[in-house]
Amino acid sequence: MGVTQGSTPVIKCATQGDIINSTYVPGGIVDANYLLWVSKAAVAGDDLLVSDGAGNEIWPDIADGANYTKLFVLKHPIKDLTVTTMDSGALYVIKAPSDGWPG
């Protein structure tokens, strides 16, 4: 599993297929503010797809070239956030520090 909890409040998903569930956050509920996709090795056309545990698409994105970075604002909590597709790079799940997540 490529999911690691770095310095609170960030969780890094390093590989396609990573799932942030109750192992990482209480009840598997990801109550984050942002998703950040960073890929120095990206090429135009690299894909990212983030879904919830039920398979609903949360964020589809396509890189437009190398050194690709994109920020996505989450508007609601996600149950069992899943990196369905990630051709390159890493996905960072970020909670505003004032909220103290993950506990």
Protein backbone atom coordinates (compact mmCIF):
# COMPACT_ATOMS: atom_id res chain seq x y z
CA MET A 1 0.00 0.00 0.00
CA GLY A 2 1.42 3.34 -0.97
CA VAL A 3 -0.71 5.42 1.38
CA THR A 4 1.40 7.06 4.07
CA GLN A 5 0.59 9.62 6.69
CA GLY A 6 3.30 12.21 6.62
CA SER A 7 3.30 15.30 8.75
CA THR A 8 -0.23 15.90 9.94
CA PRO A 9 -2.48 16.93 8.26
CA VAL A 10 -1.37 15.39 4.92
CA ILE A 11 -1.81 11.88 3.59
CA LYS A 12 0.19 10.88 0.50
CA CYS A 13 -1.17 8.35 -1.99
CA ALA A 14 1.76 7.07 -4.00
CA THR A 15 0.19 4.46 -6.28
CA GLN A 16 -2.89 3.70 -8.29
CA GLY A 17 -5.29 1.59 -6.23
CA ASP A 18 -4.53 3.29 -2.91
CA ILE A 19 -7.56 3.60 -0.64
CA ILE A 20 -7.84 5.89 2.37
CA ASN A 21 -10.16 3.93 4.64
CA SER A 22 -10.69 3.35 8.37
CA THR A 23 -7.07 2.17 8.67
CA TYR A 24 -5.98 5.78 8.07
CA VAL A 25 -8.91 7.96 9.21
CA PRO A 26 -11.78 7.30 11.61
CA GLY A 27 -14.65 5.48 9.89
CA GLY A 28 -12.95 5.81 6.51
CA ILE A 29 -14.42 9.31 6.18
CA VAL A 30 -11.98 11.63 4.45
CA ASP A 31 -12.97 15.11 5.59
CA ALA A 32 -10.22 16.99 3.79
CA ASN A 33 -10.13 20.39 2.12
CA TYR A 34 -7.91 19.70 -0.88
CA LEU A 35 -6.51 17.07 -3.20
CA LEU A 36 -3.18 17.94 -4.80
CA TRP A 37 -1.79 15.95 -7.74
CA VAL A 38 1.94 16.47 -8.26
CA SER A 39 3.89 14.77 -11.04
CA LYS A 40 7.32 15.86 -12.22
CA ALA A 41 7.40 12.90 -14.63
CA ALA A 42 3.99 13.55 -16.18
CA VAL A 43 3.52 13.66 -19.92
CA ALA A 44 0.55 15.21 -21.68
CA GLY A 45 -2.36 12.81 -21.39
CA ASP A 46 -1.46 11.22 -18.02
CA ASP A 47 -4.69 10.51 -16.16
CA LEU A 48 -5.85 10.80 -12.57
CA LEU A 49 -9.20 9.57 -11.32
CA VAL A 50 -10.25 9.80 -7.68
CA SER A 51 -13.42 8.01 -6.61
CA ASP A 52 -15.30 7.20 -3.44
CA GLY A 53 -15.77 3.70 -2.05
CA ALA A 54 -19.01 3.30 -4.02
CA GLY A 55 -17.23 3.99 -7.32
CA ASN A 56 -18.55 7.53 -7.83
CA GLU A 57 -16.10 9.81 -9.62
CA ILE A 58 -14.91 12.66 -7.42
CA TRP A 59 -12.12 14.17 -9.52
CA PRO A 60 -11.05 13.20 -13.03
CA ASP A 61 -8.04 15.09 -14.42
CA ILE A 62 -5.64 14.90 -17.36
CA ALA A 63 -2.09 16.31 -17.24
CA ASP A 64 -1.08 18.73 -19.96
CA GLY A 65 2.68 18.16 -19.68
CA ALA A 66 5.72 17.67 -17.44
CA ASN A 67 5.99 19.10 -13.92
CA TYR A 68 2.21 18.91 -13.63
CA THR A 69 0.54 20.17 -10.45
CA LYS A 70 -3.20 20.59 -9.91
CA LEU A 71 -5.25 21.43 -6.83
CA PHE A 72 -8.84 20.27 -6.35
CA VAL A 73 -11.13 21.68 -3.64
CA LEU A 74 -13.28 19.10 -1.85
CA LYS A 75 -16.75 20.32 -0.95
CA HIS A 76 -17.87 17.37 1.20
CA PRO A 77 -16.42 14.39 3.07
CA ILE A 78 -15.64 11.24 1.05
CA LYS A 79 -16.05 7.67 2.32
CA ASP A 80 -13.09 5.43 1.39
CA LEU A 81 -11.32 7.79 -1.02
CA THR A 82 -9.82 5.67 -3.80
CA VAL A 83 -7.10 6.50 -6.34
CA THR A 84 -8.75 4.65 -9.21
CA THR A 85 -6.26 5.79 -11.86
CA MET A 86 -2.94 7.61 -11.51
CA ASP A 87 -0.51 7.33 -14.40
CA SER A 88 2.27 9.25 -12.66
CA GLY A 89 3.15 11.26 -9.59
CA ALA A 90 1.49 11.32 -6.19
CA LEU A 91 -1.79 12.52 -4.73
CA TYR A 92 -1.75 14.49 -1.49
CA VAL A 93 -4.90 14.68 0.65
CA ILE A 94 -4.74 17.88 2.68
CA LYS A 95 -6.78 19.10 5.64
CA ALA A 96 -6.54 22.69 6.81
CA PRO A 97 -4.20 22.60 9.85
CA SER A 98 -6.62 24.52 12.06
CA ASP A 99 -8.99 21.52 11.95
CA GLY A 100 -6.34 19.15 13.37
CA TRP A 101 -7.06 16.21 11.00
CA PRO A 102 -6.22 13.39 11.09
CA GLY A 103 -6.54 12.99 14.86
